[in-house]
């Protein structure tokens, strides 16, 4: 009978040690802060600020940066929702395009938009495009579009002044 009692006591002691070891391992570490022990530390609030991207502002004066001549280039004037592009030379300025501007509201920094031709302005301009729409691309602070004149097509790149 001594053996049974000894085994039971050993099993009880082993269970007690395992129980104490588990409790000791799961207990929170003591803080070394100088805060009072009477109040538990509140978790720090993490404020997530969702940035709302502003739409790109294209309004202003734009000038061609890839012209073959400093005396012959294109320029554009953009308002909130219109664009007018002109051919420029030493003493002349001629309308090339008048149309709409649509900037994405999601704050995209690279996008394209199709401008609808304002034919009330372009129909009477000799050097104006007769295309019903023109695709403009905005990326890296540059506005670009294709121009075809006298059978030659080139990409015009404008930079805001």
N, C-alpha and C. Protein backbone atom coordinates (compact mmCIF):
# COMPACT_ATOMS: atom_id res chain seq x y z
N UNK A 1 0.81 -1.17 0.00
CA UNK A 1 0.00 0.00 0.00
C UNK A 1 0.86 1.25 0.00
N UNK A 2 2.03 1.16 0.57
CA UNK A 2 2.95 2.27 0.54
C UNK A 2 3.28 2.69 -0.89
N UNK A 3 3.35 1.75 -1.76
CA UNK A 3 3.68 2.03 -3.14
C UNK A 3 2.57 2.84 -3.80
N UNK A 4 1.32 2.48 -3.54
CA UNK A 4 0.20 3.19 -4.13
C UNK A 4 0.13 4.61 -3.60
N UNK A 5 0.39 4.80 -2.31
CA UNK A 5 0.35 6.12 -1.73
C UNK A 5 1.51 6.94 -2.27
N UNK A 6 2.65 6.34 -2.40
CA UNK A 6 3.83 7.03 -2.92
C UNK A 6 3.59 7.46 -4.37
N UNK A 7 3.01 6.58 -5.16
CA UNK A 7 2.72 6.92 -6.57
C UNK A 7 1.70 8.05 -6.67
N UNK A 8 0.68 7.98 -5.83
CA UNK A 8 -0.35 9.02 -5.84
C UNK A 8 0.24 10.34 -5.41
N UNK A 9 1.10 10.34 -4.40
CA UNK A 9 1.73 11.57 -3.94
C UNK A 9 2.66 12.13 -5.01
N UNK A 10 3.39 11.24 -5.69
CA UNK A 10 4.30 11.67 -6.75
C UNK A 10 3.51 12.27 -7.92
N UNK A 11 2.40 11.63 -8.29
CA UNK A 11 1.57 12.14 -9.39
C UNK A 11 0.97 13.49 -9.03
N UNK A 12 0.51 13.61 -7.77
CA UNK A 12 -0.05 14.88 -7.30
C UNK A 12 1.01 15.98 -7.31
N UNK A 13 2.21 15.66 -6.86
CA UNK A 13 3.30 16.63 -6.83
C UNK A 13 3.68 17.05 -8.26
N UNK A 14 3.70 16.08 -9.18
CA UNK A 14 4.02 16.38 -10.58
C UNK A 14 2.97 17.29 -11.20
N UNK A 15 1.72 17.01 -10.96
CA UNK A 15 0.63 17.85 -11.47
C UNK A 15 0.70 19.25 -10.87
N UNK A 16 1.03 19.34 -9.59
CA UNK A 16 1.14 20.64 -8.93
C UNK A 16 2.28 21.45 -9.55
N UNK A 17 3.41 20.81 -9.81
CA UNK A 17 4.55 21.50 -10.42
C UNK A 17 4.22 21.96 -11.84
N UNK A 18 3.56 21.09 -12.62
CA UNK A 18 3.17 21.46 -13.98
C UNK A 18 2.20 22.63 -13.97
N UNK A 19 1.27 22.60 -13.05
CA UNK A 19 0.30 23.69 -12.93
C UNK A 19 0.97 25.01 -12.58
N UNK A 20 1.91 25.00 -11.65
CA UNK A 20 2.63 26.20 -11.26
C UNK A 20 3.51 26.70 -12.40
N UNK A 21 4.12 25.79 -13.14
CA UNK A 21 4.97 26.18 -14.28
C UNK A 21 4.15 26.85 -15.37
N UNK A 22 2.96 26.36 -15.64
CA UNK A 22 2.09 26.94 -16.65
C UNK A 22 1.64 28.33 -16.24
N UNK A 23 1.26 28.48 -14.98
CA UNK A 23 0.81 29.77 -14.48
C UNK A 23 1.96 30.76 -14.52
N UNK A 24 3.14 30.33 -14.14
CA UNK A 24 4.29 31.23 -14.13
C UNK A 24 4.65 31.68 -15.54
N UNK A 25 4.52 30.81 -16.52
CA UNK A 25 4.85 31.17 -17.90
C UNK A 25 3.82 32.09 -18.52
N UNK A 26 2.58 32.00 -18.08
CA UNK A 26 1.55 32.82 -18.71
C UNK A 26 1.30 34.12 -17.98
N UNK A 27 1.94 34.33 -16.87
CA UNK A 27 1.73 35.57 -16.13
C UNK A 27 2.36 36.73 -16.88
N UNK A 28 1.73 37.91 -16.90
CA UNK A 28 2.31 39.05 -17.61
C UNK A 28 3.59 39.52 -16.92
N UNK A 29 4.50 40.00 -17.72
CA UNK A 29 5.76 40.50 -17.18
C UNK A 29 5.49 41.76 -16.39
N UNK A 30 6.25 41.95 -15.34
CA UNK A 30 6.07 43.13 -14.53
C UNK A 30 6.65 44.33 -15.24
N UNK A 31 5.96 45.43 -15.14
CA UNK A 31 6.38 46.66 -15.80
C UNK A 31 7.48 47.33 -14.99
N UNK A 32 8.40 47.96 -15.73
CA UNK A 32 9.45 48.72 -15.07
C UNK A 32 9.14 50.19 -15.11
N UNK A 33 7.93 50.53 -15.59
CA UNK A 33 7.52 51.93 -15.64
C UNK A 33 7.33 52.47 -14.23
N UNK A 34 7.37 53.76 -14.09
CA UNK A 34 7.15 54.39 -12.80
C UNK A 34 5.67 54.64 -12.56
N UNK A 35 4.81 54.07 -13.40
CA UNK A 35 3.36 54.24 -13.22
C UNK A 35 2.91 53.47 -11.98
N UNK A 36 1.82 53.89 -11.45
CA UNK A 36 1.25 53.24 -10.28
C UNK A 36 0.80 51.84 -10.64
N UNK A 37 1.02 50.90 -9.76
CA UNK A 37 0.61 49.53 -10.00
C UNK A 37 -0.88 49.35 -9.80
N UNK A 38 -1.56 50.37 -9.27
CA UNK A 38 -2.98 50.24 -8.97
C UNK A 38 -3.83 50.33 -10.24
N UNK A 39 -3.30 50.93 -11.33
CA UNK A 39 -4.07 51.04 -12.57
C UNK A 39 -3.35 50.31 -13.68
N UNK A 40 -4.06 49.44 -14.38
CA UNK A 40 -3.42 48.76 -15.50
C UNK A 40 -3.18 49.77 -16.64
N UNK A 41 -2.12 49.57 -17.36
CA UNK A 41 -1.80 50.47 -18.48
C UNK A 41 -2.82 50.27 -19.59
N UNK A 42 -3.37 51.35 -20.07
CA UNK A 42 -4.33 51.28 -21.17
C UNK A 42 -3.57 51.12 -22.48
N UNK A 43 -4.10 50.33 -23.38
CA UNK A 43 -3.42 50.18 -24.67
C UNK A 43 -3.39 51.53 -25.40
N UNK A 44 -2.29 51.79 -26.06
CA UNK A 44 -2.17 53.06 -26.79
C UNK A 44 -3.10 53.04 -27.99
N UNK A 45 -3.83 54.12 -28.13
CA UNK A 45 -4.75 54.23 -29.26
C UNK A 45 -3.96 54.57 -30.51
N UNK A 46 -4.19 53.80 -31.55
CA UNK A 46 -3.53 54.06 -32.83
C UNK A 46 -4.58 54.69 -33.74
N UNK A 47 -4.33 55.94 -34.07
CA UNK A 47 -5.28 56.65 -34.91
C UNK A 47 -4.89 56.47 -36.36
N UNK A 48 -5.78 55.83 -37.10
CA UNK A 48 -5.52 55.64 -38.52
C UNK A 48 -6.11 56.82 -39.28
N UNK A 49 -5.25 57.52 -39.98
CA UNK A 49 -5.69 58.66 -40.75
C UNK A 49 -5.70 58.24 -42.22
N UNK A 50 -6.86 58.25 -42.77
CA UNK A 50 -6.99 57.90 -44.18
C UNK A 50 -6.81 59.16 -45.00
N UNK A 51 -5.75 59.16 -45.79
CA UNK A 51 -5.48 60.34 -46.62
C UNK A 51 -6.42 60.35 -47.81
N UNK A 52 -6.99 61.50 -48.03
CA UNK A 52 -7.86 61.66 -49.19
C UNK A 52 -7.03 62.37 -50.25
N UNK A 53 -6.80 61.67 -51.33
CA UNK A 53 -5.98 62.23 -52.39
C UNK A 53 -6.77 63.31 -53.14
N UNK A 54 -6.12 64.44 -53.34
CA UNK A 54 -6.73 65.54 -54.07
C UNK A 54 -6.54 65.32 -55.57
N UNK A 55 -7.52 65.69 -56.37
CA UNK A 55 -7.34 65.58 -57.83
C UNK A 55 -6.21 66.49 -58.29
N UNK A 56 -5.55 66.09 -59.35
CA UNK A 56 -4.46 66.88 -59.93
C UNK A 56 -5.05 68.18 -60.48
N UNK A 57 -4.36 69.28 -60.26
CA UNK A 57 -4.80 70.58 -60.76
C UNK A 57 -4.04 70.90 -62.05
N UNK A 58 -4.71 70.79 -63.18
CA UNK A 58 -4.09 71.06 -64.47
C UNK A 58 -4.21 72.52 -64.88
N UNK A 59 -5.02 73.28 -64.19
CA UNK A 59 -5.30 74.67 -64.58
C UNK A 59 -4.01 75.48 -64.63
N UNK A 60 -3.87 76.26 -65.71
CA UNK A 60 -2.71 77.13 -65.86
C UNK A 60 -2.19 77.14 -67.28
N UNK A 61 -1.00 77.69 -67.41
CA UNK A 61 -0.35 77.81 -68.72
C UNK A 61 0.66 76.68 -68.88
N UNK A 62 0.68 76.07 -70.06
CA UNK A 62 1.56 74.95 -70.37
C UNK A 62 2.35 75.28 -71.65
N UNK A 63 3.60 74.85 -71.71
CA UNK A 63 4.44 75.11 -72.87
C UNK A 63 5.12 73.82 -73.32
N UNK A 64 5.24 73.66 -74.62
CA UNK A 64 5.89 72.48 -75.20
C UNK A 64 7.36 72.43 -74.81
N UNK A 65 7.80 71.24 -74.40
CA UNK A 65 9.20 71.07 -73.98
C UNK A 65 10.01 70.23 -74.97
N UNK A 66 9.38 69.73 -76.02
CA UNK A 66 10.11 68.91 -76.99
C UNK A 66 10.01 69.47 -78.42
N UNK A 67 9.96 70.77 -78.53
CA UNK A 67 9.88 71.41 -79.85
C UNK A 67 11.25 71.34 -80.53
N UNK A 68 11.22 71.28 -81.86
CA UNK A 68 12.46 71.28 -82.63
C UNK A 68 13.02 72.68 -82.80
N UNK A 69 12.23 73.70 -82.44
CA UNK A 69 12.67 75.08 -82.61
C UNK A 69 12.14 75.94 -81.48
N UNK A 70 12.96 76.81 -80.93
CA UNK A 70 12.47 77.70 -79.87
C UNK A 70 11.50 78.75 -80.40
N UNK A 71 11.44 78.93 -81.73
CA UNK A 71 10.55 79.91 -82.33
C UNK A 71 9.24 79.31 -82.84
N UNK A 72 9.08 77.99 -82.71
CA UNK A 72 7.88 77.32 -83.19
C UNK A 72 7.54 76.20 -82.20
N UNK A 73 6.42 76.37 -81.49
CA UNK A 73 6.06 75.41 -80.45
C UNK A 73 4.57 75.50 -80.17
N UNK A 74 4.06 74.55 -79.38
CA UNK A 74 2.67 74.59 -78.95
C UNK A 74 2.61 75.00 -77.48
N UNK A 75 1.49 75.61 -77.13
CA UNK A 75 1.23 75.97 -75.74
C UNK A 75 -0.24 75.69 -75.46
N UNK A 76 -0.58 75.60 -74.20
CA UNK A 76 -1.97 75.33 -73.83
C UNK A 76 -2.37 76.18 -72.63
N UNK A 77 -3.63 76.52 -72.61
CA UNK A 77 -4.23 77.17 -71.45
C UNK A 77 -5.34 76.24 -70.98
N UNK A 78 -5.25 75.86 -69.71
CA UNK A 78 -6.24 74.95 -69.14
C UNK A 78 -6.95 75.64 -68.00
N UNK A 79 -8.29 75.55 -68.01
CA UNK A 79 -9.10 75.99 -66.87
C UNK A 79 -9.58 74.73 -66.18
N UNK A 80 -10.51 74.86 -65.27
CA UNK A 80 -11.00 73.69 -64.53
C UNK A 80 -11.53 72.60 -65.45
N UNK A 81 -12.19 72.98 -66.55
CA UNK A 81 -12.79 71.95 -67.41
C UNK A 81 -12.61 72.18 -68.90
N UNK A 82 -11.71 73.09 -69.31
CA UNK A 82 -11.47 73.32 -70.74
C UNK A 82 -9.97 73.41 -71.01
N UNK A 83 -9.63 73.13 -72.27
CA UNK A 83 -8.26 73.27 -72.72
C UNK A 83 -8.26 73.91 -74.10
N UNK A 84 -7.33 74.83 -74.31
CA UNK A 84 -7.10 75.41 -75.63
C UNK A 84 -5.62 75.29 -75.93
N UNK A 85 -5.31 74.66 -77.05
CA UNK A 85 -3.93 74.46 -77.48
C UNK A 85 -3.69 75.32 -78.72
N UNK A 86 -2.54 75.98 -78.74
CA UNK A 86 -2.22 76.86 -79.87
C UNK A 86 -0.86 76.53 -80.46
N UNK A 87 -0.75 76.80 -81.79
CA UNK A 87 0.54 76.81 -82.47
C UNK A 87 1.13 78.19 -82.20
N UNK A 88 2.39 78.27 -81.87
CA UNK A 88 3.05 79.55 -81.62
C UNK A 88 4.29 79.67 -82.49
N UNK A 89 4.49 80.83 -83.06
CA UNK A 89 5.74 81.14 -83.74
C UNK A 89 6.09 82.58 -83.38
N UNK A 90 7.11 83.10 -83.98
CA UNK A 90 7.67 84.39 -83.58
C UNK A 90 6.61 85.47 -83.33
N UNK A 91 5.75 85.73 -84.29
CA UNK A 91 4.76 86.80 -84.13
C UNK A 91 3.32 86.33 -84.28
N UNK A 92 3.08 85.01 -84.24
CA UNK A 92 1.71 84.52 -84.46
C UNK A 92 1.33 83.46 -83.42
N UNK A 93 0.04 83.32 -83.27
CA UNK A 93 -0.53 82.29 -82.40
C UNK A 93 -1.82 81.83 -83.08
N UNK A 94 -1.93 80.52 -83.35
CA UNK A 94 -3.09 79.97 -84.04
C UNK A 94 -3.69 78.82 -83.25
N UNK A 95 -5.01 78.79 -83.16
CA UNK A 95 -5.70 77.74 -82.40
C UNK A 95 -5.50 76.38 -83.06
N UNK A 96 -5.12 75.40 -82.28
CA UNK A 96 -5.00 74.01 -82.74
C UNK A 96 -6.11 73.14 -82.15
N UNK A 97 -6.43 73.32 -80.87
CA UNK A 97 -7.43 72.48 -80.22
C UNK A 97 -8.17 73.29 -79.17
N UNK A 98 -9.45 73.08 -79.08
CA UNK A 98 -10.29 73.61 -78.00
C UNK A 98 -11.20 72.47 -77.58
N UNK A 99 -11.21 72.16 -76.31
CA UNK A 99 -12.03 71.03 -75.88
C UNK A 99 -12.18 70.95 -74.38
N UNK A 100 -12.66 69.81 -73.95
CA UNK A 100 -12.96 69.56 -72.53
C UNK A 100 -11.77 68.94 -71.81
N UNK A 101 -11.77 69.09 -70.49
CA UNK A 101 -10.77 68.46 -69.63
C UNK A 101 -11.51 67.71 -68.53
N UNK A 102 -11.12 66.47 -68.31
CA UNK A 102 -11.70 65.68 -67.24
C UNK A 102 -10.57 65.07 -66.41
N UNK A 103 -10.48 65.48 -65.16
CA UNK A 103 -9.45 64.98 -64.25
C UNK A 103 -10.11 63.99 -63.29
N UNK A 104 -9.52 62.81 -63.09
CA UNK A 104 -10.11 61.86 -62.14
C UNK A 104 -10.17 62.42 -60.73
N UNK A 105 -11.25 62.17 -60.05
CA UNK A 105 -11.46 62.68 -58.69
C UNK A 105 -10.69 61.87 -57.64
N UNK A 106 -10.18 60.70 -58.01
CA UNK A 106 -9.53 59.84 -57.03
C UNK A 106 -8.09 60.22 -56.71
N UNK A 107 -7.61 61.31 -57.31
CA UNK A 107 -6.26 61.75 -57.01
C UNK A 107 -5.18 61.03 -57.78
N UNK A 108 -5.54 60.34 -58.83
CA UNK A 108 -4.56 59.65 -59.66
C UNK A 108 -3.48 60.62 -60.12
N UNK A 109 -2.26 60.17 -60.12
CA UNK A 109 -1.16 61.03 -60.57
C UNK A 109 -0.71 60.69 -61.98
N UNK A 110 -1.35 59.73 -62.58
CA UNK A 110 -1.09 59.36 -63.97
C UNK A 110 -2.42 58.92 -64.56
N UNK A 111 -2.84 59.56 -65.65
CA UNK A 111 -4.14 59.23 -66.23
C UNK A 111 -4.23 59.75 -67.66
N UNK A 112 -5.25 59.31 -68.36
CA UNK A 112 -5.57 59.84 -69.69
C UNK A 112 -7.00 60.34 -69.66
N UNK A 113 -7.30 61.28 -70.55
CA UNK A 113 -8.67 61.71 -70.71
C UNK A 113 -8.91 62.05 -72.18
N UNK A 114 -10.13 61.81 -72.62
CA UNK A 114 -10.52 62.15 -73.99
C UNK A 114 -11.22 63.50 -73.96
N UNK A 115 -10.64 64.43 -74.69
CA UNK A 115 -11.18 65.78 -74.78
C UNK A 115 -12.12 65.86 -75.97
N UNK A 116 -13.32 66.36 -75.74
CA UNK A 116 -14.30 66.53 -76.83
C UNK A 116 -14.05 67.88 -77.49
N UNK A 117 -13.95 67.87 -78.80
CA UNK A 117 -13.65 69.08 -79.58
C UNK A 117 -14.78 70.10 -79.45
N UNK A 118 -14.41 71.33 -79.14
CA UNK A 118 -15.37 72.45 -79.11
C UNK A 118 -15.37 73.04 -80.52
N UNK A 119 -16.21 72.48 -81.37
CA UNK A 119 -16.22 72.88 -82.79
C UNK A 119 -16.68 74.31 -83.01
N UNK A 120 -17.33 74.93 -82.01
CA UNK A 120 -17.72 76.34 -82.16
C UNK A 120 -16.46 77.21 -82.25
N UNK A 121 -15.33 76.71 -81.74
CA UNK A 121 -14.06 77.44 -81.81
C UNK A 121 -13.15 76.91 -82.91
N UNK A 122 -13.10 75.61 -83.08
CA UNK A 122 -12.13 75.03 -84.02
C UNK A 122 -12.59 75.03 -85.48
N UNK A 123 -13.90 75.08 -85.75
CA UNK A 123 -14.38 75.03 -87.14
C UNK A 123 -13.87 76.21 -87.97
N UNK A 124 -13.67 77.34 -87.36
CA UNK A 124 -13.24 78.52 -88.12
C UNK A 124 -11.72 78.76 -88.06
N UNK A 125 -10.99 77.86 -87.39
CA UNK A 125 -9.54 78.01 -87.26
C UNK A 125 -8.84 77.13 -88.29
N UNK A 126 -8.04 77.74 -89.18
CA UNK A 126 -7.40 77.01 -90.28
C UNK A 126 -6.44 75.91 -89.83
N UNK A 127 -5.74 76.13 -88.74
CA UNK A 127 -4.74 75.16 -88.29
C UNK A 127 -5.24 74.25 -87.17
N UNK A 128 -6.56 74.29 -86.93
CA UNK A 128 -7.14 73.49 -85.86
C UNK A 128 -7.40 72.06 -86.31
N UNK A 129 -7.33 71.16 -85.36
CA UNK A 129 -7.66 69.76 -85.61
C UNK A 129 -9.16 69.63 -85.81
N UNK A 130 -9.54 68.77 -86.73
CA UNK A 130 -10.97 68.52 -86.96
C UNK A 130 -11.42 67.22 -86.30
N UNK A 131 -10.53 66.58 -85.56
CA UNK A 131 -10.88 65.34 -84.88
C UNK A 131 -11.99 65.60 -83.85
N UNK A 132 -12.93 64.67 -83.72
CA UNK A 132 -14.01 64.87 -82.73
C UNK A 132 -13.51 64.78 -81.29
N UNK A 133 -12.47 63.98 -81.05
CA UNK A 133 -11.88 63.87 -79.72
C UNK A 133 -10.36 63.80 -79.84
N UNK A 134 -9.69 64.12 -78.76
CA UNK A 134 -8.24 64.00 -78.69
C UNK A 134 -7.91 63.44 -77.31
N UNK A 135 -7.02 62.44 -77.29
CA UNK A 135 -6.62 61.81 -76.04
C UNK A 135 -5.38 62.50 -75.48
N UNK A 136 -5.49 62.96 -74.25
CA UNK A 136 -4.39 63.60 -73.53
C UNK A 136 -3.94 62.65 -72.41
N UNK A 137 -2.65 62.63 -72.14
CA UNK A 137 -2.09 61.81 -71.07
C UNK A 137 -1.34 62.71 -70.10
N UNK A 138 -1.60 62.51 -68.81
CA UNK A 138 -0.88 63.25 -67.77
C UNK A 138 -0.07 62.24 -66.96
N UNK A 139 1.24 62.47 -66.85
CA UNK A 139 2.12 61.62 -66.03
C UNK A 139 3.38 62.40 -65.70
N UNK A 140 3.82 62.28 -64.47
CA UNK A 140 5.07 62.90 -64.01
C UNK A 140 5.13 64.39 -64.31
N UNK A 141 4.01 65.09 -64.12
CA UNK A 141 3.99 66.54 -64.32
C UNK A 141 3.99 66.97 -65.77
N UNK A 142 3.76 66.05 -66.66
CA UNK A 142 3.82 66.33 -68.09
C UNK A 142 2.49 65.97 -68.76
N UNK A 143 2.03 66.81 -69.66
CA UNK A 143 0.81 66.56 -70.43
C UNK A 143 1.25 66.27 -71.86
N UNK A 144 0.78 65.18 -72.43
CA UNK A 144 1.19 64.83 -73.78
C UNK A 144 -0.01 64.41 -74.63
N UNK A 145 0.15 64.53 -75.95
CA UNK A 145 -0.88 64.17 -76.92
C UNK A 145 -0.22 64.08 -78.28
N UNK A 146 -0.91 63.44 -79.22
CA UNK A 146 -0.37 63.32 -80.57
C UNK A 146 -0.93 64.41 -81.47
N UNK A 147 -0.04 64.91 -82.35
CA UNK A 147 -0.40 65.92 -83.34
C UNK A 147 -0.01 65.39 -84.71
N UNK A 148 -0.92 65.46 -85.65
CA UNK A 148 -0.61 65.09 -87.03
C UNK A 148 -0.79 66.32 -87.89
N UNK A 149 0.27 66.66 -88.61
CA UNK A 149 0.23 67.81 -89.53
C UNK A 149 1.07 67.46 -90.75
N UNK A 150 0.51 67.71 -91.92
CA UNK A 150 1.20 67.46 -93.18
C UNK A 150 1.71 66.03 -93.28
N UNK A 151 0.90 65.07 -92.77
CA UNK A 151 1.23 63.65 -92.87
C UNK A 151 2.23 63.16 -91.84
N UNK A 152 2.66 63.99 -90.94
CA UNK A 152 3.61 63.60 -89.91
C UNK A 152 2.95 63.65 -88.54
N UNK A 153 3.12 62.58 -87.77
CA UNK A 153 2.56 62.53 -86.42
C UNK A 153 3.69 62.59 -85.41
N UNK A 154 3.53 63.44 -84.43
CA UNK A 154 4.50 63.53 -83.34
C UNK A 154 3.76 63.63 -82.01
N UNK A 155 4.45 63.27 -80.95
CA UNK A 155 3.90 63.43 -79.60
C UNK A 155 4.41 64.74 -79.04
N UNK A 156 3.48 65.61 -78.69
CA UNK A 156 3.82 66.89 -78.08
C UNK A 156 3.81 66.70 -76.57
N UNK A 157 4.83 67.21 -75.92
CA UNK A 157 4.93 67.14 -74.45
C UNK A 157 4.93 68.56 -73.90
N UNK A 158 3.98 68.81 -73.00
CA UNK A 158 3.85 70.13 -72.39
C UNK A 158 4.20 70.07 -70.91
N UNK A 159 4.76 71.15 -70.42
CA UNK A 159 5.07 71.27 -69.00
C UNK A 159 4.40 72.53 -68.47
N UNK A 160 3.86 72.44 -67.25
CA UNK A 160 3.17 73.57 -66.64
C UNK A 160 4.16 74.66 -66.27
N UNK A 161 3.82 75.89 -66.57
CA UNK A 161 4.69 77.03 -66.28
C UNK A 161 4.44 77.59 -64.91
